[in-house]
Amino acid sequence: MAFYKKSFQSFDTIYLGGGTPSLLSIQQIDDILKSANDHFNIDRQTEITVEVNPGDGSAEYFQQLRKRGINRLNIG
């Protein structure tokens, strides 16, 4: 992310997709989002999407995503 910091200062959208990111632990999602916040201006209006397979997560997992600012799921 540090490499792209020179080219991009902020984002309207963050998309975690491809390869079923819903298999990531909540801690791994936290680490990705923390790194994004450390390198770029990410505000509360940013759309943050995670691609999910409904069979990969529990209701608690999806609630934890929401608590971390994930505001859109791409279910497929």
Protein backbone atom coordinates (compact mmCIF):
# COMPACT_ATOMS: atom_id res chain seq x y z
CA MET A 1 0.00 0.00 0.00
CA ALA A 2 2.90 2.33 0.66
CA PHE A 3 3.80 2.16 -3.05
CA TYR A 4 0.36 3.46 -4.08
CA LYS A 5 0.24 6.19 -1.43
CA LYS A 6 2.13 8.51 -3.79
CA SER A 7 -0.49 8.07 -6.52
CA PHE A 8 -3.71 7.91 -4.48
CA GLN A 9 -4.66 9.91 -1.41
CA SER A 10 -8.15 8.60 -0.82
CA PHE A 11 -10.68 6.11 -2.14
CA ASP A 12 -14.44 6.15 -2.63
CA THR A 13 -14.60 2.35 -2.57
CA ILE A 14 -12.64 -0.52 -1.07
CA TYR A 15 -13.45 -3.94 -2.49
CA LEU A 16 -12.14 -7.14 -0.94
CA GLY A 17 -13.01 -9.75 -3.51
CA GLY A 18 -11.77 -12.62 -5.58
CA GLY A 19 -10.56 -15.76 -3.88
CA THR A 20 -13.39 -15.69 -1.33
CA PRO A 21 -12.18 -13.15 1.24
CA SER A 22 -14.94 -14.32 3.58
CA LEU A 23 -12.48 -17.08 4.50
CA LEU A 24 -10.30 -14.41 6.13
CA SER A 25 -10.48 -14.15 9.89
CA ILE A 26 -11.83 -10.99 11.50
CA GLN A 27 -8.26 -10.23 12.62
CA GLN A 28 -7.03 -10.44 9.03
CA ILE A 29 -9.82 -8.09 7.90
CA ASP A 30 -8.82 -5.73 10.74
CA ASP A 31 -5.19 -5.81 9.57
CA ILE A 32 -6.14 -4.99 5.96
CA LEU A 33 -8.42 -2.12 6.98
CA LYS A 34 -5.86 -0.75 9.45
CA SER A 35 -3.21 -0.73 6.75
CA ALA A 36 -5.59 1.04 4.36
CA ASN A 37 -6.38 3.64 7.03
CA ASP A 38 -2.68 4.11 7.81
CA HIS A 39 -1.82 4.84 4.18
CA PHE A 40 -4.91 6.57 2.76
CA ASN A 41 -7.74 8.88 3.77
CA ILE A 42 -10.61 6.49 4.42
CA ASP A 43 -13.71 8.17 5.81
CA ARG A 44 -17.09 6.95 6.98
CA GLN A 45 -18.60 7.60 3.54
CA THR A 46 -16.27 5.10 1.84
CA GLU A 47 -18.09 2.06 0.50
CA ILE A 48 -16.31 -1.02 1.85
CA THR A 49 -17.38 -4.26 0.19
CA VAL A 50 -16.45 -7.84 1.01
CA GLU A 51 -17.24 -10.64 -1.41
CA VAL A 52 -18.76 -13.53 0.52
CA ASN A 53 -19.95 -17.05 0.04
CA PRO A 54 -23.01 -17.36 2.31
CA GLY A 55 -21.88 -20.79 3.47
CA ASP A 56 -18.51 -19.48 4.69
CA GLY A 57 -19.68 -17.18 7.47
CA SER A 58 -21.93 -17.15 10.48
CA ALA A 59 -24.30 -14.41 11.59
CA GLU A 60 -21.68 -13.38 14.15
CA TYR A 61 -18.98 -13.15 11.45
CA PHE A 62 -21.20 -10.87 9.37
CA GLN A 63 -22.00 -8.75 12.44
CA GLN A 64 -18.28 -8.40 13.14
CA LEU A 65 -17.72 -7.23 9.55
CA ARG A 66 -20.39 -4.56 10.05
CA LYS A 67 -18.75 -3.38 13.28
CA ARG A 68 -15.54 -2.86 11.33
CA GLY A 69 -17.16 -0.60 8.77
CA ILE A 70 -17.98 -3.13 6.06
CA ASN A 71 -21.13 -1.60 4.61
CA ARG A 72 -21.72 -3.79 1.58
CA LEU A 73 -21.58 -7.52 0.86
CA ASN A 74 -21.26 -9.02 -2.59
CA ILE A 75 -22.87 -12.44 -2.22
CA GLY A 76 -22.00 -14.95 -4.85
